[in-house]
Amino acid sequence: MSAYPFMPVSVSGGFWTGASVVVDLLAEHVDCAVVPGEFVLFSHGQLFQELRERIIAGEGLSPVPCSSLWRLREFNRSEVPKLCSAARYVCAKLGWYPRWLFSKRGGLYARLGADYRSAVERLTVLLECDLSAVSAERLQAAFVEVLAAATRRYAWNGTSPVVVGVFDQMVAPPYAEVAWQFLPDLRLICVDRDWRDQYVEIHNEVKRMNRVKMALGMTAWGMELTEADTEPKHFFVRLRKRIEQVKRQHRERDDRRILWVNFEDVVLDTEVTARRIFEFLGLDVSAWRAGTVLDVSRSSHNIGKWRQSPYWYEIDTLKSLIPSQAHRS
C-alpha cells in the first residue's frame, strides 16, 4: 500500500463529451497530480468487470488471463509513434484491424519509471494466480500502489506526497460500481455535454473507433458492439440512451464517490463548477491556481458548434430519438 494518503480520481465521459477540461482544471490544483494522456490501463474499467466475472464463476484457478490483462500489458509497452500511426492508417483504409497493431500503447514503463513497473508486475502476478487465494485487501492494495506509483513524478513540486492522483478515461461511468470492488476509495468525475455538439465530434470517428474496439475485444461504454454500431446515427442513439440510463442509476444510488458535471458549466461557469468539484474531492479551493492550465476561451469554441456543422439535418432527425434529459436549450 502507498505510504501516504492517496485518492485516485478518474475523469471520463461518454465519447467526445469534453472530459479534458476537467482534467486541465484539476491540474491547476496544488494537491493534484495528473498523469498525462488517456490512462486506459484497465480498459476503461472493463478489466474490473472481467475480474469480477472470473471470481463469481469460480475461474480463479484458470491460468488463462482475461483479455483486459493482455491489453494492460500492451498499454505499458512502447512503439514507434509515426511508423505505427502510418501503418494503422493504411490498415484502416483497407478495412483490416489486426489486434497487435491497433492495441493502444502508452509506453508507460519508459515514461513512469521503475517503481511503476514493479507495482504493475506485482499486480499482474496477483491477477494471473488463483484469485480465491488472494484477499480483497491485498488485491485492493496492489491496484492502489500501481496508481500511486504512476503519479509520484507529477506532483507540483516533484517531491511532495500526492493527495489526489488524476487519471483521464481510467474508468468509464458504467463500470463505477464494479471498479469500487477493487478501488473502494476511487472517485469518479463524469462529464456530459450538449448531445448535438457531441454528435458533430463523434460522427466521423464512429466507424473506425468501433471496429478497433471489436478487434480488441472491447465494449463501448459497457455495450457489446456489432457491425450496426459502425453507422453513426445508430450507435449515437444507442449511446445516448445508455448515458441517460447510467446517469439515472447513479442518481438513484446517490453514492458520494461519483459526480456528474456538464462541459458547458465548466467552461462558462468555471469558478462555481470548480468549487463544486474541489468540494467533492475534499480539496482546499485556496490551493487552486486558476488559469494556469485550463484555457476556457479556447474551449468555448466547442460550444454550439453544431449550428455551423454539415450534420444539422441529421441532428434534426435525431431529436425524437434522443432521450429528453439530454436536450439543452
C-alpha atoms as a PDB file:
ATOM      1  CA  MET A   1       0.000   0.000   0.000  1.00  0.00           C
ATOM      2  CA  SER A   2       1.129   3.542  -0.588  1.00  0.00           C
ATOM      3  CA  ALA A   3       2.973   5.040   2.379  1.00  0.00           C
ATOM      4  CA  TYR A   4       0.938   8.250   2.275  1.00  0.00           C
ATOM      5  CA  PRO A   5      -2.736   9.190   1.915  1.00  0.00           C
ATOM      6  CA  PHE A   6      -3.763   8.820  -1.698  1.00  0.00           C
ATOM      7  CA  MET A   7      -7.048   9.235  -3.535  1.00  0.00           C
ATOM      8  CA  PRO A   8      -7.326   8.072  -7.179  1.00  0.00           C
ATOM      9  CA  VAL A   9      -9.694  10.085  -9.364  1.00  0.00           C
ATOM     10  CA  SER A  10     -10.961   9.027 -12.773  1.00  0.00           C
ATOM     11  CA  VAL A  11     -12.252  11.716 -15.122  1.00  0.00           C
ATOM     12  CA  SER A  12     -14.258  10.367 -18.040  1.00  0.00           C
ATOM     13  CA  GLY A  13     -17.229  10.971 -20.281  1.00  0.00           C
ATOM     14  CA  GLY A  14     -19.261   9.323 -22.994  1.00  0.00           C
ATOM     15  CA  PHE A  15     -17.005   9.853 -26.045  1.00  0.00           C
ATOM     16  CA  TRP A  16     -16.154  13.431 -27.007  1.00  0.00           C
ATOM     17  CA  THR A  17     -18.026  14.955 -24.076  1.00  0.00           C
ATOM     18  CA  GLY A  18     -15.133  17.201 -23.020  1.00  0.00           C
ATOM     19  CA  ALA A  19     -13.605  15.380 -20.042  1.00  0.00           C
ATOM     20  CA  SER A  20     -10.245  17.007 -20.799  1.00  0.00           C
ATOM     21  CA  VAL A  21     -11.461  20.372 -19.451  1.00  0.00           C
ATOM     22  CA  VAL A  22     -11.929  18.821 -16.007  1.00  0.00           C
ATOM     23  CA  VAL A  23      -8.505  17.175 -16.230  1.00  0.00           C
ATOM     24  CA  ASP A  24      -6.993  20.592 -17.015  1.00  0.00           C
ATOM     25  CA  LEU A  25      -8.926  22.177 -14.168  1.00  0.00           C
ATOM     26  CA  LEU A  26      -7.638  19.597 -11.684  1.00  0.00           C
ATOM     27  CA  ALA A  27      -4.107  20.116 -12.994  1.00  0.00           C
ATOM     28  CA  GLU A  28      -4.370  23.654 -11.612  1.00  0.00           C
ATOM     29  CA  HIS A  29      -4.718  22.413  -8.031  1.00  0.00           C
ATOM     30  CA  VAL A  30      -1.550  22.025  -5.967  1.00  0.00           C
ATOM     31  CA  ASP A  31      -2.717  18.780  -4.337  1.00  0.00           C
ATOM     32  CA  CYS A  32      -3.451  17.033  -7.646  1.00  0.00           C
ATOM     33  CA  ALA A  33      -1.039  15.094  -9.832  1.00  0.00           C
ATOM     34  CA  VAL A  34      -2.290  14.449 -13.355  1.00  0.00           C
ATOM     35  CA  VAL A  35      -0.877  11.535 -15.313  1.00  0.00           C
ATOM     36  CA  PRO A  36      -0.599  12.825 -18.919  1.00  0.00           C
ATOM     37  CA  GLY A  37      -2.602  11.180 -21.691  1.00  0.00           C
ATOM     38  CA  GLU A  38      -5.519   8.789 -21.582  1.00  0.00           C
ATOM     39  CA  PHE A  39      -4.838   6.236 -18.856  1.00  0.00           C
ATOM     40  CA  VAL A  40      -6.583   3.148 -20.226  1.00  0.00           C
ATOM     41  CA  LEU A  41      -4.501   0.600 -18.313  1.00  0.00           C
ATOM     42  CA  PHE A  42      -7.712  -1.062 -17.112  1.00  0.00           C
ATOM     43  CA  SER A  43      -9.558  -0.911 -20.455  1.00  0.00           C
ATOM     44  CA  HIS A  44     -11.826   1.913 -19.183  1.00  0.00           C
ATOM     45  CA  GLY A  45     -12.933  -0.380 -16.329  1.00  0.00           C
ATOM     46  CA  GLN A  46     -13.631  -3.492 -18.394  1.00  0.00           C
ATOM     47  CA  LEU A  47     -10.762  -5.227 -16.565  1.00  0.00           C
ATOM     48  CA  PHE A  48     -12.668  -4.922 -13.285  1.00  0.00           C
ATOM     49  CA  GLN A  49     -15.787  -6.392 -14.868  1.00  0.00           C
ATOM     50  CA  GLU A  50     -13.882  -9.362 -16.256  1.00  0.00           C
ATOM     51  CA  LEU A  51     -12.161  -9.963 -12.924  1.00  0.00           C
ATOM     52  CA  ARG A  52     -15.457  -9.969 -11.055  1.00  0.00           C
ATOM     53  CA  GLU A  53     -16.946 -12.381 -13.581  1.00  0.00           C
ATOM     54  CA  ARG A  54     -13.967 -14.723 -13.136  1.00  0.00           C
ATOM     55  CA  ILE A  55     -14.345 -14.629  -9.369  1.00  0.00           C
ATOM     56  CA  ILE A  56     -18.111 -15.229  -9.466  1.00  0.00           C
ATOM     57  CA  ALA A  57     -17.725 -18.052 -11.978  1.00  0.00           C
ATOM     58  CA  GLY A  58     -15.011 -19.691  -9.878  1.00  0.00           C
ATOM     59  CA  GLU A  59     -12.451 -19.304 -12.643  1.00  0.00           C
ATOM     60  CA  GLY A  60      -9.665 -18.099 -10.395  1.00  0.00           C
ATOM     61  CA  LEU A  61      -7.869 -21.415 -10.924  1.00  0.00           C
ATOM     62  CA  SER A  62      -7.617 -20.844 -14.679  1.00  0.00           C
ATOM     63  CA  PRO A  63      -4.097 -19.925 -15.870  1.00  0.00           C
ATOM     64  CA  VAL A  64      -5.556 -18.097 -18.865  1.00  0.00           C
ATOM     65  CA  PRO A  65      -5.553 -14.318 -18.223  1.00  0.00           C
ATOM     66  CA  CYS A  66      -8.589 -12.244 -19.110  1.00  0.00           C
ATOM     67  CA  SER A  67      -8.441 -10.236 -22.336  1.00  0.00           C
ATOM     68  CA  SER A  68      -8.122  -6.978 -20.417  1.00  0.00           C
ATOM     69  CA  LEU A  69      -4.899  -8.249 -18.854  1.00  0.00           C
ATOM     70  CA  TRP A  70      -3.425  -8.617 -22.343  1.00  0.00           C
ATOM     71  CA  ARG A  71      -4.425  -5.024 -23.114  1.00  0.00           C
ATOM     72  CA  LEU A  72      -2.864  -3.916 -19.807  1.00  0.00           C
ATOM     73  CA  ARG A  73       0.476  -5.354 -20.855  1.00  0.00           C
ATOM     74  CA  GLU A  74       0.248  -3.806 -24.302  1.00  0.00           C
ATOM     75  CA  PHE A  75      -0.545  -0.357 -22.913  1.00  0.00           C
ATOM     76  CA  ASN A  76       2.654  -0.356 -20.864  1.00  0.00           C
ATOM     77  CA  ARG A  77       4.790  -1.125 -23.900  1.00  0.00           C
ATOM     78  CA  SER A  78       6.333   1.410 -26.247  1.00  0.00           C
ATOM     79  CA  GLU A  79       6.064   1.779 -30.016  1.00  0.00           C
ATOM     80  CA  VAL A  80       7.421   3.954 -32.807  1.00  0.00           C
ATOM     81  CA  PRO A  81       4.582   6.532 -32.987  1.00  0.00           C
ATOM     82  CA  LYS A  82       4.879   7.802 -36.569  1.00  0.00           C
ATOM     83  CA  LEU A  83       5.533   4.378 -38.043  1.00  0.00           C
ATOM     84  CA  CYS A  84       2.690   2.699 -36.173  1.00  0.00           C
ATOM     85  CA  SER A  85       0.281   5.569 -36.893  1.00  0.00           C
ATOM     86  CA  ALA A  86       1.029   5.311 -40.598  1.00  0.00           C
ATOM     87  CA  ALA A  87       0.558   1.529 -40.521  1.00  0.00           C
ATOM     88  CA  ARG A  88      -2.768   1.887 -38.703  1.00  0.00           C
ATOM     89  CA  TYR A  89      -3.945   4.477 -41.208  1.00  0.00           C
ATOM     90  CA  VAL A  90      -3.185   2.188 -44.154  1.00  0.00           C
ATOM     91  CA  CYS A  91      -4.774  -0.848 -42.493  1.00  0.00           C
ATOM     92  CA  ALA A  92      -7.928   1.091 -41.593  1.00  0.00           C
ATOM     93  CA  LYS A  93      -8.279   2.204 -45.201  1.00  0.00           C
ATOM     94  CA  LEU A  94      -8.119  -1.456 -46.199  1.00  0.00           C
ATOM     95  CA  GLY A  95     -10.661  -2.416 -43.527  1.00  0.00           C
ATOM     96  CA  TRP A  96      -8.117  -4.553 -41.686  1.00  0.00           C
ATOM     97  CA  TYR A  97      -7.691  -4.154 -37.929  1.00  0.00           C
ATOM     98  CA  PRO A  98      -5.016  -6.547 -36.618  1.00  0.00           C
ATOM     99  CA  ARG A  99      -5.111  -6.692 -32.842  1.00  0.00           C
ATOM    100  CA  TRP A 100      -1.337  -6.460 -32.406  1.00  0.00           C
ATOM    101  CA  LEU A 101      -1.217  -3.199 -34.359  1.00  0.00           C
ATOM    102  CA  PHE A 102      -4.314  -1.441 -33.020  1.00  0.00           C
ATOM    103  CA  SER A 103      -3.791  -2.186 -29.329  1.00  0.00           C
ATOM    104  CA  LYS A 104      -3.235   1.108 -27.525  1.00  0.00           C
ATOM    105  CA  ARG A 105       0.323   1.577 -26.290  1.00  0.00           C
ATOM    106  CA  GLY A 106       1.282   4.371 -23.941  1.00  0.00           C
ATOM    107  CA  GLY A 107       4.878   3.342 -23.241  1.00  0.00           C
ATOM    108  CA  LEU A 108       4.238   3.744 -19.517  1.00  0.00           C
ATOM    109  CA  TYR A 109       7.144   1.604 -18.375  1.00  0.00           C
ATOM    110  CA  ALA A 110       9.510   4.016 -20.109  1.00  0.00           C
ATOM    111  CA  ARG A 111       7.609   7.132 -19.009  1.00  0.00           C
ATOM    112  CA  LEU A 112       6.769   6.345 -15.385  1.00  0.00           C
ATOM    113  CA  GLY A 113       9.875   4.552 -14.197  1.00  0.00           C
ATOM    114  CA  ALA A 114      10.982   1.539 -12.200  1.00  0.00           C
ATOM    115  CA  ASP A 115       8.619   1.963  -9.228  1.00  0.00           C
ATOM    116  CA  TYR A 116       5.615   1.932 -11.527  1.00  0.00           C
ATOM    117  CA  ARG A 117       6.878  -1.089 -13.451  1.00  0.00           C
ATOM    118  CA  SER A 118       7.478  -3.044 -10.244  1.00  0.00           C
ATOM    119  CA  ALA A 119       3.999  -2.204  -8.956  1.00  0.00           C
ATOM    120  CA  VAL A 120       2.380  -3.330 -12.222  1.00  0.00           C
ATOM    121  CA  GLU A 121       4.360  -6.555 -12.264  1.00  0.00           C
ATOM    122  CA  ARG A 122       3.259  -7.364  -8.710  1.00  0.00           C
ATOM    123  CA  LEU A 123      -0.357  -6.655  -9.628  1.00  0.00           C
ATOM    124  CA  THR A 124      -0.104  -8.812 -12.750  1.00  0.00           C
ATOM    125  CA  VAL A 125       1.207 -11.774 -10.731  1.00  0.00           C
ATOM    126  CA  LEU A 126      -1.819 -11.497  -8.450  1.00  0.00           C
ATOM    127  CA  LEU A 127      -4.268 -11.271 -11.339  1.00  0.00           C
ATOM    128  CA  GLU A 128      -2.842 -14.359 -13.024  1.00  0.00           C
ATOM    129  CA  CYS A 129      -2.975 -16.591  -9.968  1.00  0.00           C
ATOM    130  CA  ASP A 130      -5.851 -18.307  -8.193  1.00  0.00           C
ATOM    131  CA  LEU A 131      -7.927 -15.289  -7.149  1.00  0.00           C
ATOM    132  CA  SER A 132      -9.695 -17.311  -4.483  1.00  0.00           C
ATOM    133  CA  ALA A 133      -6.393 -17.364  -2.597  1.00  0.00           C
ATOM    134  CA  VAL A 134      -5.959 -13.577  -2.734  1.00  0.00           C
ATOM    135  CA  SER A 135      -7.632 -11.455  -0.086  1.00  0.00           C
ATOM    136  CA  ALA A 136      -9.685  -8.469  -1.166  1.00  0.00           C
ATOM    137  CA  GLU A 137      -7.448  -6.189   0.881  1.00  0.00           C
ATOM    138  CA  ARG A 138      -4.281  -7.443  -0.836  1.00  0.00           C
ATOM    139  CA  LEU A 139      -5.780  -7.021  -4.298  1.00  0.00           C
ATOM    140  CA  GLN A 140      -7.061  -3.539  -3.490  1.00  0.00           C
ATOM    141  CA  ALA A 141      -3.662  -2.522  -2.127  1.00  0.00           C
ATOM    142  CA  ALA A 142      -1.957  -3.726  -5.323  1.00  0.00           C
ATOM    143  CA  PHE A 143      -4.239  -1.608  -7.509  1.00  0.00           C
ATOM    144  CA  VAL A 144      -3.711   1.467  -5.334  1.00  0.00           C
ATOM    145  CA  GLU A 145       0.061   1.054  -5.396  1.00  0.00           C
ATOM    146  CA  VAL A 146       0.062   0.997  -9.212  1.00  0.00           C
ATOM    147  CA  LEU A 147      -1.860   4.261  -9.338  1.00  0.00           C
ATOM    148  CA  ALA A 148       0.191   5.907  -6.596  1.00  0.00           C
ATOM    149  CA  ALA A 149       3.422   4.959  -8.360  1.00  0.00           C
ATOM    150  CA  ALA A 150       2.099   6.392 -11.621  1.00  0.00           C
ATOM    151  CA  THR A 151       1.516   9.821 -10.082  1.00  0.00           C
ATOM    152  CA  ARG A 152       4.604  10.424  -7.965  1.00  0.00           C
ATOM    153  CA  ARG A 153       6.624  12.319 -10.531  1.00  0.00           C
ATOM    154  CA  TYR A 154       3.702  14.597 -11.384  1.00  0.00           C
ATOM    155  CA  ALA A 155       3.371  16.339  -8.008  1.00  0.00           C
ATOM    156  CA  TRP A 156       3.568  20.128  -8.410  1.00  0.00           C
ATOM    157  CA  ASN A 157       6.983  20.458  -6.781  1.00  0.00           C
ATOM    158  CA  GLY A 158       8.155  16.982  -7.698  1.00  0.00           C
ATOM    159  CA  THR A 159       8.704  15.870  -4.096  1.00  0.00           C
ATOM    160  CA  SER A 160       5.550  16.408  -2.019  1.00  0.00           C
ATOM    161  CA  PRO A 161       3.236  13.452  -1.414  1.00  0.00           C
ATOM    162  CA  VAL A 162       0.365  13.402  -3.866  1.00  0.00           C
ATOM    163  CA  VAL A 163      -3.029  13.736  -2.233  1.00  0.00           C
ATOM    164  CA  VAL A 164      -5.061  13.193  -5.403  1.00  0.00           C
ATOM    165  CA  GLY A 165      -3.957  11.253  -8.474  1.00  0.00           C
ATOM    166  CA  VAL A 166      -5.909  12.197 -11.606  1.00  0.00           C
ATOM    167  CA  PHE A 167      -6.366   9.734 -14.466  1.00  0.00           C
ATOM    168  CA  ASP A 168      -8.064  10.656 -17.721  1.00  0.00           C
ATOM    169  CA  GLN A 169     -10.515   7.999 -19.008  1.00  0.00           C
ATOM    170  CA  MET A 170      -9.416   5.367 -16.479  1.00  0.00           C
ATOM    171  CA  VAL A 171     -12.912   4.138 -15.582  1.00  0.00           C
ATOM    172  CA  ALA A 172     -15.983   4.796 -17.717  1.00  0.00           C
ATOM    173  CA  PRO A 173     -19.151   5.614 -15.723  1.00  0.00           C
ATOM    174  CA  PRO A 174     -20.906   2.258 -16.447  1.00  0.00           C
ATOM    175  CA  TYR A 175     -18.096   0.456 -14.609  1.00  0.00           C
ATOM    176  CA  ALA A 176     -18.234   2.602 -11.458  1.00  0.00           C
ATOM    177  CA  GLU A 177     -19.815   0.021  -9.172  1.00  0.00           C
ATOM    178  CA  VAL A 178     -17.552  -2.852 -10.186  1.00  0.00           C
ATOM    179  CA  ALA A 179     -14.457  -0.611 -10.017  1.00  0.00           C
ATOM    180  CA  TRP A 180     -15.269   0.188  -6.379  1.00  0.00           C
ATOM    181  CA  GLN A 181     -14.951  -3.517  -5.583  1.00  0.00           C
ATOM    182  CA  PHE A 182     -11.214  -3.217  -6.343  1.00  0.00           C
ATOM    183  CA  LEU A 183     -10.662   0.508  -5.692  1.00  0.00           C
ATOM    184  CA  PRO A 184     -13.105   1.443  -2.921  1.00  0.00           C
ATOM    185  CA  ASP A 185     -11.595   4.935  -2.483  1.00  0.00           C
ATOM    186  CA  LEU A 186     -11.861   5.773  -6.179  1.00  0.00           C
ATOM    187  CA  ARG A 187     -13.686   8.994  -7.041  1.00  0.00           C
ATOM    188  CA  LEU A 188     -15.257   9.420 -10.463  1.00  0.00           C
ATOM    189  CA  ILE A 189     -15.978  12.712 -12.176  1.00  0.00           C
ATOM    190  CA  CYS A 190     -18.173  12.129 -15.222  1.00  0.00           C
ATOM    191  CA  VAL A 191     -18.590  14.774 -17.904  1.00  0.00           C
ATOM    192  CA  ASP A 192     -21.601  15.118 -20.179  1.00  0.00           C
ATOM    193  CA  ARG A 193     -22.300  17.621 -22.928  1.00  0.00           C
ATOM    194  CA  ASP A 194     -24.919  19.015 -25.267  1.00  0.00           C
ATOM    195  CA  TRP A 195     -25.599  15.932 -27.373  1.00  0.00           C
ATOM    196  CA  ARG A 196     -25.744  17.962 -30.587  1.00  0.00           C
ATOM    197  CA  ASP A 197     -22.135  19.128 -30.231  1.00  0.00           C
ATOM    198  CA  GLN A 198     -21.157  15.628 -29.191  1.00  0.00           C
ATOM    199  CA  TYR A 199     -22.678  14.206 -32.367  1.00  0.00           C
ATOM    200  CA  VAL A 200     -20.669  16.638 -34.515  1.00  0.00           C
ATOM    201  CA  GLU A 201     -17.455  15.496 -32.820  1.00  0.00           C
ATOM    202  CA  ILE A 202     -18.151  11.775 -32.926  1.00  0.00           C
ATOM    203  CA  HIS A 203     -19.732  11.463 -36.384  1.00  0.00           C
ATOM    204  CA  ASN A 204     -16.595  10.793 -38.419  1.00  0.00           C
ATOM    205  CA  GLU A 205     -14.943   8.672 -35.724  1.00  0.00           C
ATOM    206  CA  VAL A 206     -17.604   6.038 -35.101  1.00  0.00           C
ATOM    207  CA  LYS A 207     -16.766   3.590 -37.870  1.00  0.00           C
ATOM    208  CA  ARG A 208     -13.057   3.318 -37.146  1.00  0.00           C
ATOM    209  CA  MET A 209     -13.440   3.589 -33.372  1.00  0.00           C
ATOM    210  CA  ASN A 210     -15.903   0.752 -33.053  1.00  0.00           C
ATOM    211  CA  ARG A 211     -14.150  -1.557 -35.497  1.00  0.00           C
ATOM    212  CA  VAL A 212     -10.962  -1.127 -33.489  1.00  0.00           C
ATOM    213  CA  LYS A 213     -12.863  -1.892 -30.282  1.00  0.00           C
ATOM    214  CA  MET A 214     -14.377  -5.010 -31.802  1.00  0.00           C
ATOM    215  CA  ALA A 215     -10.951  -6.174 -32.969  1.00  0.00           C
ATOM    216  CA  LEU A 216      -9.553  -5.688 -29.457  1.00  0.00           C
ATOM    217  CA  GLY A 217     -12.484  -7.349 -27.701  1.00  0.00           C
ATOM    218  CA  MET A 218     -13.568  -4.126 -26.033  1.00  0.00           C
ATOM    219  CA  THR A 219     -17.014  -2.795 -25.299  1.00  0.00           C
ATOM    220  CA  ALA A 220     -18.218   0.771 -25.808  1.00  0.00           C
ATOM    221  CA  TRP A 221     -19.469   2.178 -22.525  1.00  0.00           C
ATOM    222  CA  GLY A 222     -20.189  -1.368 -21.412  1.00  0.00           C
ATOM    223  CA  MET A 223     -22.165  -2.146 -24.581  1.00  0.00           C
ATOM    224  CA  GLU A 224     -21.300  -5.104 -26.783  1.00  0.00           C
ATOM    225  CA  LEU A 225     -20.729  -3.911 -30.343  1.00  0.00           C
ATOM    226  CA  THR A 226     -21.984  -5.247 -33.675  1.00  0.00           C
ATOM    227  CA  GLU A 227     -21.421  -4.173 -37.255  1.00  0.00           C
ATOM    228  CA  ALA A 228     -24.550  -1.983 -36.991  1.00  0.00           C
ATOM    229  CA  ASP A 229     -22.663   0.191 -34.481  1.00  0.00           C
ATOM    230  CA  THR A 230     -20.296   1.386 -37.198  1.00  0.00           C
ATOM    231  CA  GLU A 231     -23.154   3.560 -38.526  1.00  0.00           C
ATOM    232  CA  PRO A 232     -23.068   6.942 -36.694  1.00  0.00           C
ATOM    233  CA  LYS A 233     -26.772   7.552 -36.088  1.00  0.00           C
ATOM    234  CA  HIS A 234     -27.486   4.002 -34.940  1.00  0.00           C
ATOM    235  CA  PHE A 235     -24.581   3.979 -32.500  1.00  0.00           C
ATOM    236  CA  PHE A 236     -25.212   7.505 -31.225  1.00  0.00           C
ATOM    237  CA  VAL A 237     -28.854   6.871 -30.347  1.00  0.00           C
ATOM    238  CA  ARG A 238     -27.817   3.703 -28.531  1.00  0.00           C
ATOM    239  CA  LEU A 239     -25.035   5.578 -26.733  1.00  0.00           C
ATOM    240  CA  ARG A 240     -27.221   8.480 -25.597  1.00  0.00           C
ATOM    241  CA  LYS A 241     -29.831   6.086 -24.211  1.00  0.00           C
ATOM    242  CA  ARG A 242     -27.072   4.266 -22.352  1.00  0.00           C
ATOM    243  CA  ILE A 243     -25.694   7.540 -20.952  1.00  0.00           C
ATOM    244  CA  GLU A 244     -29.074   8.579 -19.599  1.00  0.00           C
ATOM    245  CA  GLN A 245     -29.629   5.095 -18.148  1.00  0.00           C
ATOM    246  CA  VAL A 246     -26.297   5.191 -16.290  1.00  0.00           C
ATOM    247  CA  LYS A 247     -26.869   8.743 -15.040  1.00  0.00           C
ATOM    248  CA  ARG A 248     -30.268   7.700 -13.705  1.00  0.00           C
ATOM    249  CA  GLN A 249     -28.745   4.693 -11.933  1.00  0.00           C
ATOM    250  CA  HIS A 250     -26.133   6.905 -10.314  1.00  0.00           C
ATOM    251  CA  ARG A 251     -28.751   9.403  -9.163  1.00  0.00           C
ATOM    252  CA  GLU A 252     -30.792   6.605  -7.600  1.00  0.00           C
ATOM    253  CA  ARG A 253     -27.735   5.109  -5.895  1.00  0.00           C
ATOM    254  CA  ASP A 254     -26.694   8.559  -4.598  1.00  0.00           C
ATOM    255  CA  ASP A 255     -23.124   7.415  -3.980  1.00  0.00           C
ATOM    256  CA  ARG A 256     -20.885  10.270  -2.862  1.00  0.00           C
ATOM    257  CA  ARG A 257     -17.941   8.835  -4.751  1.00  0.00           C
ATOM    258  CA  ILE A 258     -19.287   9.947  -8.141  1.00  0.00           C
ATOM    259  CA  LEU A 259     -20.022  13.395  -9.529  1.00  0.00           C
ATOM    260  CA  TRP A 260     -21.588  14.390 -12.849  1.00  0.00           C
ATOM    261  CA  VAL A 261     -20.795  17.775 -14.400  1.00  0.00           C
ATOM    262  CA  ASN A 262     -21.557  19.410 -17.741  1.00  0.00           C
ATOM    263  CA  PHE A 263     -18.854  20.545 -20.138  1.00  0.00           C
ATOM    264  CA  GLU A 264     -20.674  23.832 -20.698  1.00  0.00           C
ATOM    265  CA  ASP A 265     -20.758  24.571 -16.956  1.00  0.00           C
ATOM    266  CA  VAL A 266     -17.014  24.002 -16.608  1.00  0.00           C
ATOM    267  CA  VAL A 267     -16.317  26.418 -19.462  1.00  0.00           C
ATOM    268  CA  LEU A 268     -18.970  29.092 -18.917  1.00  0.00           C
ATOM    269  CA  ASP A 269     -19.309  28.998 -15.115  1.00  0.00           C
ATOM    270  CA  THR A 270     -15.808  27.885 -14.215  1.00  0.00           C
ATOM    271  CA  GLU A 271     -15.454  29.217 -10.679  1.00  0.00           C
ATOM    272  CA  VAL A 272     -18.760  27.806  -9.404  1.00  0.00           C
ATOM    273  CA  THR A 273     -18.173  24.436 -11.069  1.00  0.00           C
ATOM    274  CA  ALA A 274     -14.566  24.289  -9.867  1.00  0.00           C
ATOM    275  CA  ARG A 275     -15.668  24.867  -6.277  1.00  0.00           C
ATOM    276  CA  ARG A 276     -18.201  22.070  -6.667  1.00  0.00           C
ATOM    277  CA  ILE A 277     -15.507  19.700  -7.953  1.00  0.00           C
ATOM    278  CA  PHE A 278     -12.961  20.618  -5.284  1.00  0.00           C
ATOM    279  CA  GLU A 279     -15.572  20.237  -2.554  1.00  0.00           C
ATOM    280  CA  PHE A 280     -16.447  16.797  -3.940  1.00  0.00           C
ATOM    281  CA  LEU A 281     -12.775  15.791  -3.637  1.00  0.00           C
ATOM    282  CA  GLY A 282     -12.265  17.445  -0.257  1.00  0.00           C
ATOM    283  CA  LEU A 283      -9.699  19.880  -1.667  1.00  0.00           C
ATOM    284  CA  ASP A 284      -8.986  23.392  -0.412  1.00  0.00           C
ATOM    285  CA  VAL A 285     -10.092  25.848  -3.097  1.00  0.00           C
ATOM    286  CA  SER A 286      -7.414  28.329  -1.948  1.00  0.00           C
ATOM    287  CA  ALA A 287      -4.784  25.948  -3.402  1.00  0.00           C
ATOM    288  CA  TRP A 288      -6.325  26.308  -6.873  1.00  0.00           C
ATOM    289  CA  ARG A 289      -4.053  28.122  -9.354  1.00  0.00           C
ATOM    290  CA  ALA A 290      -6.839  29.280 -11.654  1.00  0.00           C
ATOM    291  CA  GLY A 291      -5.966  29.944 -15.284  1.00  0.00           C
ATOM    292  CA  THR A 292      -2.582  28.230 -15.265  1.00  0.00           C
ATOM    293  CA  VAL A 293      -3.646  25.241 -17.386  1.00  0.00           C
ATOM    294  CA  LEU A 294      -7.299  25.415 -18.452  1.00  0.00           C
ATOM    295  CA  ASP A 295      -7.972  27.752 -21.389  1.00  0.00           C
ATOM    296  CA  VAL A 296     -11.715  28.416 -21.173  1.00  0.00           C
ATOM    297  CA  SER A 297     -11.676  30.834 -24.119  1.00  0.00           C
ATOM    298  CA  ARG A 298     -10.376  28.107 -26.382  1.00  0.00           C
ATOM    299  CA  SER A 299     -12.815  25.514 -25.035  1.00  0.00           C
ATOM    300  CA  SER A 300     -15.755  27.888 -25.524  1.00  0.00           C
ATOM    301  CA  HIS A 301     -15.381  27.484 -29.298  1.00  0.00           C
ATOM    302  CA  ASN A 302     -16.614  23.905 -28.863  1.00  0.00           C
ATOM    303  CA  ILE A 303     -19.976  25.068 -27.529  1.00  0.00           C
ATOM    304  CA  GLY A 304     -22.772  25.398 -30.085  1.00  0.00           C
ATOM    305  CA  LYS A 305     -20.583  24.202 -32.946  1.00  0.00           C
ATOM    306  CA  TRP A 306     -23.455  22.020 -34.202  1.00  0.00           C
ATOM    307  CA  ARG A 307     -25.092  25.151 -35.647  1.00  0.00           C
ATOM    308  CA  GLN A 308     -22.339  25.521 -38.253  1.00  0.00           C
ATOM    309  CA  SER A 309     -21.840  21.814 -38.847  1.00  0.00           C
ATOM    310  CA  PRO A 310     -22.744  19.913 -42.026  1.00  0.00           C
ATOM    311  CA  TYR A 311     -24.778  17.483 -39.905  1.00  0.00           C
ATOM    312  CA  TRP A 312     -27.603  19.808 -38.900  1.00  0.00           C
ATOM    313  CA  TYR A 313     -30.148  17.771 -40.876  1.00  0.00           C
ATOM    314  CA  GLU A 314     -29.109  14.529 -39.172  1.00  0.00           C
ATOM    315  CA  ILE A 315     -29.267  16.280 -35.801  1.00  0.00           C
ATOM    316  CA  ASP A 316     -32.792  17.422 -36.586  1.00  0.00           C
ATOM    317  CA  THR A 317     -33.872  13.864 -37.408  1.00  0.00           C
ATOM    318  CA  LEU A 318     -32.282  12.566 -34.204  1.00  0.00           C
ATOM    319  CA  LYS A 319     -34.232  14.837 -31.846  1.00  0.00           C
ATOM    320  CA  SER A 320     -37.159  12.483 -31.458  1.00  0.00           C
ATOM    321  CA  LEU A 321     -34.831   9.538 -30.780  1.00  0.00           C
ATOM    322  CA  ILE A 322     -32.567  11.104 -28.152  1.00  0.00           C
ATOM    323  CA  PRO A 323     -33.685  10.860 -24.502  1.00  0.00           C
ATOM    324  CA  SER A 324     -35.329  14.128 -23.433  1.00  0.00           C
ATOM    325  CA  GLN A 325     -32.934  14.558 -20.489  1.00  0.00           C
ATOM    326  CA  ALA A 326     -30.107  15.098 -22.949  1.00  0.00           C
ATOM    327  CA  HIS A 327     -31.696  18.150 -24.609  1.00  0.00           C
ATOM    328  CA  ARG A 328     -30.301  21.556 -23.736  1.00  0.00           C
ATOM    329  CA  SER A 329     -31.567  24.982 -24.763  1.00  0.00           C
END
